[in-house]
Amino acid sequence: MTIVEALILGIVQGITEFLPISSSGHLVLGETLLGLKVEELKSFDVVVHLGSLMAIFVYFRRDIWGLLKSFFGIFVGKFDKSDPFLKLILFILIGTIPAVVVGFTLEDQIDAFFRSPERVALCMIVVGIVFVVSELRRKKLITEGLNWWKAIIIGIAQAAALIPGVSRSGSTIAAGLFSGMKREAAARFSFLLGMPAIFGAGLLTATKIPESGGLSVNYLPLLIGFASSFVFGLISVSFLMRFLKRHTLMVFALYLISLGLFVLSFNFM
């Protein structure tokens, strides 16, 4: 992998990790378009995902600081049942369970079956349709706040995002809309919920790198990929949080359906 290829893929990862259009799907398509061997780039995928994780830490630093204070406050006797961050910790834990179960039991099978341009394209089309349905349903039901059953629903949607082509942020935001949450609230919880999921998925993949012969990418491209993923991830999450205050997911639905149809027509011609 060259430095230019690492830069391109890092930018793709940073932008698509937060926009609801599937970072894993775009990485597969990007790596295929550049003529790279997708199955040999596990180490690079781990590094660029960690760059995206760092972008979440920076953008949501106030929320993360509140979560940390509430968590450690439990051990020093500062336990307050009305603390919103304490409740948020509980909801994040509940929402993380489905992804952990699916990741540890089916991750290899899912990756082997869906990691191809055609299947990624099909998943993108399905997700685009889900966006349309979720926006139509949202107009009929809007409720305030987050509770344990909403956390479970969003957590199941996050587990589905282990499939390449299924956007993690998109699926969880759509699940939030299905359960009656406002877009901004659904997006905030989606990204906070994504922290342990992204870290856990990266750690799980990293443990398998030695089995595949070690690092398949040199250190400089890895560094470039990490840095570009972080910078463009920060730009992307900032943009999306502002965008969702006034706009729907319809534009992303149109993009996913169009891209999916284009990839399918290109591959089957």
Protein backbone atom coordinates (compact mmCIF):
# COMPACT_ATOMS: atom_id res chain seq x y z
CA MET A 1 0.00 0.00 0.00
CA THR A 2 1.34 3.43 -0.98
CA ILE A 3 1.09 6.62 1.08
CA VAL A 4 -1.43 8.07 -1.39
CA GLU A 5 -3.64 4.97 -1.13
CA ALA A 6 -3.44 5.11 2.66
CA LEU A 7 -4.39 8.80 2.60
CA ILE A 8 -7.37 8.16 0.32
CA LEU A 9 -8.67 5.24 2.37
CA GLY A 10 -8.11 7.11 5.65
CA ILE A 11 -10.18 10.01 4.34
CA VAL A 12 -12.88 7.60 3.16
CA GLN A 13 -12.98 5.92 6.58
CA GLY A 14 -13.03 9.19 8.51
CA ILE A 15 -15.90 10.63 6.49
CA THR A 16 -18.01 7.50 6.18
CA GLU A 17 -17.64 6.29 9.78
CA PHE A 18 -19.93 9.09 10.94
CA LEU A 19 -22.05 9.81 7.91
CA PRO A 20 -24.72 7.09 7.77
CA ILE A 21 -23.38 5.44 4.61
CA SER A 22 -21.21 2.56 5.96
CA SER A 23 -17.48 2.99 6.49
CA SER A 24 -16.75 -0.75 6.18
CA GLY A 25 -18.67 -0.93 2.92
CA HIS A 26 -16.84 2.06 1.46
CA LEU A 27 -13.49 0.67 2.57
CA VAL A 28 -14.23 -2.60 0.74
CA LEU A 29 -15.30 -0.70 -2.37
CA GLY A 30 -12.32 1.67 -2.12
CA GLU A 31 -9.78 -1.09 -1.60
CA THR A 32 -11.27 -3.01 -4.53
CA LEU A 33 -11.26 0.08 -6.76
CA LEU A 34 -7.58 0.71 -5.93
CA GLY A 35 -6.76 -2.89 -6.83
CA LEU A 36 -5.75 -3.84 -3.29
CA LYS A 37 -6.32 -7.26 -1.74
CA VAL A 38 -9.16 -6.59 0.70
CA GLU A 39 -8.58 -9.72 2.77
CA GLU A 40 -4.96 -8.69 3.48
CA LEU A 41 -5.74 -5.24 4.87
CA LYS A 42 -7.10 -6.15 8.29
CA SER A 43 -4.31 -4.29 10.09
CA PHE A 44 -4.95 -1.11 8.10
CA ASP A 45 -8.69 -1.32 8.75
CA VAL A 46 -8.02 -1.56 12.50
CA VAL A 47 -5.79 1.53 12.50
CA VAL A 48 -8.16 3.77 10.53
CA HIS A 49 -11.07 2.72 12.76
CA LEU A 50 -9.00 3.76 15.79
CA GLY A 51 -8.51 7.15 14.10
CA SER A 52 -12.30 7.47 13.92
CA LEU A 53 -12.57 6.48 17.58
CA MET A 54 -10.18 9.27 18.51
CA ALA A 55 -12.41 11.73 16.63
CA ILE A 56 -15.36 10.65 18.83
CA PHE A 57 -13.26 11.23 21.96
CA VAL A 58 -12.41 14.75 20.87
CA TYR A 59 -15.85 15.84 19.68
CA PHE A 60 -17.80 14.36 22.60
CA ARG A 61 -15.13 15.15 25.21
CA ARG A 62 -17.63 16.87 27.54
CA ASP A 63 -19.98 13.90 27.47
CA ILE A 64 -17.08 11.50 27.96
CA TRP A 65 -15.80 13.55 30.90
CA GLY A 66 -19.27 13.43 32.46
CA LEU A 67 -19.45 9.66 31.94
CA LEU A 68 -16.04 9.15 33.52
CA LYS A 69 -16.85 11.29 36.55
CA SER A 70 -20.11 9.42 37.13
CA PHE A 71 -18.47 6.04 36.67
CA PHE A 72 -15.59 6.65 39.08
CA GLY A 73 -17.93 8.49 41.45
CA ILE A 74 -19.62 5.16 42.14
CA PHE A 75 -16.44 3.87 43.78
CA VAL A 76 -15.97 6.92 46.03
CA GLY A 77 -19.51 7.03 47.36
CA LYS A 78 -20.87 9.71 45.01
CA PHE A 79 -23.81 7.67 43.78
CA ASP A 80 -26.80 9.68 42.55
CA LYS A 81 -29.69 7.82 40.93
CA SER A 82 -30.85 11.01 39.21
CA ASP A 83 -27.47 11.56 37.52
CA PRO A 84 -28.17 11.56 33.74
CA PHE A 85 -24.65 10.36 32.96
CA LEU A 86 -25.08 7.40 35.28
CA LYS A 87 -28.21 6.42 33.39
CA LEU A 88 -26.37 6.94 30.12
CA ILE A 89 -23.63 4.53 31.25
CA LEU A 90 -26.28 1.90 31.92
CA PHE A 91 -27.88 2.43 28.50
CA ILE A 92 -24.50 2.21 26.76
CA LEU A 93 -23.77 -1.07 28.55
CA ILE A 94 -27.18 -2.46 27.59
CA GLY A 95 -26.81 -1.33 23.99
CA THR A 96 -23.33 -2.82 23.67
CA ILE A 97 -24.38 -6.37 24.61
CA PRO A 98 -25.87 -7.38 21.21
CA ALA A 99 -22.76 -6.31 19.30
CA VAL A 100 -20.50 -8.16 21.74
CA VAL A 101 -22.50 -11.38 21.41
CA VAL A 102 -22.69 -11.22 17.61
CA GLY A 103 -19.08 -10.06 17.27
CA PHE A 104 -17.62 -12.93 19.28
CA THR A 105 -19.83 -15.63 17.74
CA LEU A 106 -20.45 -14.65 14.12
CA GLU A 107 -17.88 -12.00 13.16
CA ASP A 108 -15.74 -14.31 10.99
CA GLN A 109 -18.73 -15.80 9.18
CA ILE A 110 -20.30 -12.39 8.57
CA ASP A 111 -17.05 -10.92 7.27
CA ALA A 112 -16.33 -13.88 4.99
CA PHE A 113 -19.83 -13.90 3.49
CA PHE A 114 -20.51 -10.18 3.06
CA ARG A 115 -17.02 -8.80 2.29
CA SER A 116 -17.53 -8.47 -1.47
CA PRO A 117 -18.59 -5.46 -3.59
CA GLU A 118 -21.85 -7.06 -4.76
CA ARG A 119 -23.08 -7.99 -1.28
CA VAL A 120 -21.97 -4.66 0.14
CA ALA A 121 -24.03 -2.95 -2.58
CA LEU A 122 -27.10 -5.02 -1.73
CA CYS A 123 -26.76 -4.13 1.95
CA MET A 124 -26.47 -0.43 1.08
CA ILE A 125 -29.72 -0.58 -0.87
CA VAL A 126 -31.50 -2.29 2.04
CA VAL A 127 -30.20 0.29 4.52
CA GLY A 128 -31.30 3.13 2.23
CA ILE A 129 -34.83 1.71 2.21
CA VAL A 130 -34.74 1.41 6.02
CA PHE A 131 -33.83 5.12 6.23
CA VAL A 132 -36.89 6.04 4.17
CA VAL A 133 -39.20 3.90 6.32
CA SER A 134 -37.73 5.23 9.58
CA GLU A 135 -38.23 8.85 8.51
CA LEU A 136 -41.84 8.17 7.49
CA ARG A 137 -42.52 6.43 10.82
CA ARG A 138 -40.85 9.22 12.79
CA LYS A 139 -43.53 11.66 11.68
CA LYS A 140 -46.14 9.53 13.44
CA LEU A 141 -44.32 8.99 16.74
CA ILE A 142 -41.95 11.24 18.66
CA THR A 143 -41.25 10.56 22.33
CA GLU A 144 -38.75 12.17 24.65
CA GLY A 145 -35.80 10.55 26.36
CA LEU A 146 -33.95 7.28 26.30
CA ASN A 147 -34.87 4.14 28.21
CA TRP A 148 -33.68 0.55 28.49
CA TRP A 149 -35.84 -0.87 25.70
CA LYS A 150 -34.75 1.86 23.29
CA ALA A 151 -31.14 1.08 24.21
CA ILE A 152 -31.74 -2.59 23.36
CA ILE A 153 -33.34 -1.75 20.00
CA ILE A 154 -30.47 0.57 19.08
CA GLY A 155 -27.97 -2.03 20.33
CA ILE A 156 -29.46 -4.69 18.04
CA ALA A 157 -29.18 -2.25 15.14
CA GLN A 158 -25.53 -1.70 16.02
CA ALA A 159 -24.92 -5.46 15.97
CA ALA A 160 -26.38 -5.58 12.44
CA ALA A 161 -23.74 -3.03 11.42
CA LEU A 162 -21.07 -5.73 11.70
CA ILE A 163 -22.22 -6.56 8.18
CA PRO A 164 -20.11 -4.61 5.62
CA GLY A 165 -22.41 -2.21 3.82
CA VAL A 166 -24.62 -1.65 6.87
CA SER A 167 -23.80 1.73 8.40
CA ARG A 168 -23.29 1.61 12.17
CA SER A 169 -24.26 5.23 12.68
CA GLY A 170 -27.05 4.96 10.12
CA SER A 171 -28.58 1.79 11.52
CA THR A 172 -28.48 3.05 15.12
CA ILE A 173 -29.86 6.49 14.25
CA ALA A 174 -32.65 4.85 12.21
CA ALA A 175 -33.41 2.55 15.16
CA GLY A 176 -33.62 5.62 17.38
CA LEU A 177 -36.09 7.21 14.98
CA PHE A 178 -38.12 3.99 14.90
CA SER A 179 -38.35 4.14 18.70
CA GLY A 180 -39.49 7.77 18.63
CA MET A 181 -36.29 9.65 19.43
CA LYS A 182 -35.32 12.97 17.90
CA ARG A 183 -32.55 12.83 15.30
CA GLU A 184 -29.98 14.78 17.35
CA ALA A 185 -30.61 12.65 20.46
CA ALA A 186 -30.43 9.45 18.43
CA ALA A 187 -27.18 10.57 16.79
CA ARG A 188 -25.58 11.54 20.13
CA PHE A 189 -26.40 8.18 21.68
CA SER A 190 -25.32 6.41 18.49
CA PHE A 191 -21.82 7.87 18.62
CA LEU A 192 -21.37 7.40 22.37
CA LEU A 193 -22.59 3.82 22.02
CA GLY A 194 -20.15 3.37 19.16
CA MET A 195 -17.07 3.96 21.33
CA PRO A 196 -16.90 0.52 22.98
CA ALA A 197 -18.16 -1.12 19.77
CA ILE A 198 -15.47 0.42 17.56
CA PHE A 199 -12.76 -0.25 20.13
CA GLY A 200 -13.93 -3.83 20.70
CA ALA A 201 -14.20 -4.60 16.99
CA GLY A 202 -10.73 -3.17 16.42
CA LEU A 203 -9.28 -5.17 19.31
CA LEU A 204 -10.93 -8.37 18.09
CA THR A 205 -9.56 -7.88 14.59
CA ALA A 206 -6.13 -6.95 15.94
CA THR A 207 -5.87 -10.25 17.82
CA LYS A 208 -6.25 -12.09 14.52
CA ILE A 209 -3.50 -10.19 12.70
CA PRO A 210 -0.68 -12.54 13.86
CA GLU A 211 -2.64 -15.51 12.49
CA SER A 212 -2.68 -13.91 9.04
CA GLY A 213 1.07 -13.35 8.98
CA GLY A 214 1.42 -10.09 10.91
CA LEU A 215 1.20 -6.52 9.61
CA SER A 216 0.56 -6.43 5.87
CA VAL A 217 1.06 -2.64 5.66
CA ASN A 218 4.18 -0.61 6.48
CA TYR A 219 4.19 1.75 9.44
CA LEU A 220 4.14 5.03 7.44
CA PRO A 221 0.93 4.20 5.52
CA LEU A 222 -0.62 3.08 8.81
CA LEU A 223 0.27 6.45 10.39
CA ILE A 224 -1.07 8.36 7.39
CA GLY A 225 -4.27 6.31 7.46
CA PHE A 226 -4.76 6.95 11.19
CA ALA A 227 -4.14 10.70 10.93
CA SER A 228 -6.38 11.25 7.91
CA SER A 229 -9.15 9.14 9.44
CA PHE A 230 -8.99 11.21 12.65
CA VAL A 231 -8.99 14.63 10.95
CA PHE A 232 -11.74 13.87 8.46
CA GLY A 233 -13.70 11.94 11.08
CA LEU A 234 -13.76 15.03 13.28
CA ILE A 235 -14.95 17.12 10.36
CA SER A 236 -17.57 14.52 9.47
CA VAL A 237 -19.11 14.12 12.94
CA SER A 238 -19.24 17.92 13.38
CA PHE A 239 -21.04 18.26 10.07
CA LEU A 240 -23.55 15.48 10.74
CA MET A 241 -24.56 16.73 14.19
CA ARG A 242 -25.35 20.15 12.68
CA PHE A 243 -27.01 18.63 9.61
CA LEU A 244 -29.45 16.46 11.57
CA LYS A 245 -30.86 19.45 13.43
CA ARG A 246 -32.64 20.60 10.28
CA HIS A 247 -32.51 17.76 7.76
CA THR A 248 -33.65 14.16 7.42
CA LEU A 249 -31.83 10.95 6.41
CA MET A 250 -33.46 11.00 2.97
CA VAL A 251 -30.40 12.38 1.18
CA PHE A 252 -28.29 9.53 2.59
CA ALA A 253 -30.99 7.04 1.62
CA LEU A 254 -30.88 8.30 -1.96
CA TYR A 255 -27.08 8.13 -1.98
CA LEU A 256 -26.94 4.54 -0.65
CA ILE A 257 -29.61 3.24 -3.01
CA SER A 258 -28.00 4.97 -6.01
CA LEU A 259 -24.49 3.77 -5.14
CA GLY A 260 -25.71 0.23 -4.50
CA LEU A 261 -27.51 0.09 -7.84
CA PHE A 262 -24.46 1.54 -9.61
CA VAL A 263 -22.09 -1.04 -8.09
CA LEU A 264 -24.46 -3.89 -8.95
CA SER A 265 -24.88 -2.73 -12.53
CA PHE A 266 -21.12 -2.24 -12.88
CA ASN A 267 -20.31 -5.71 -11.54
CA PHE A 268 -23.00 -7.54 -13.45
CA MET A 269 -22.44 -5.91 -16.86
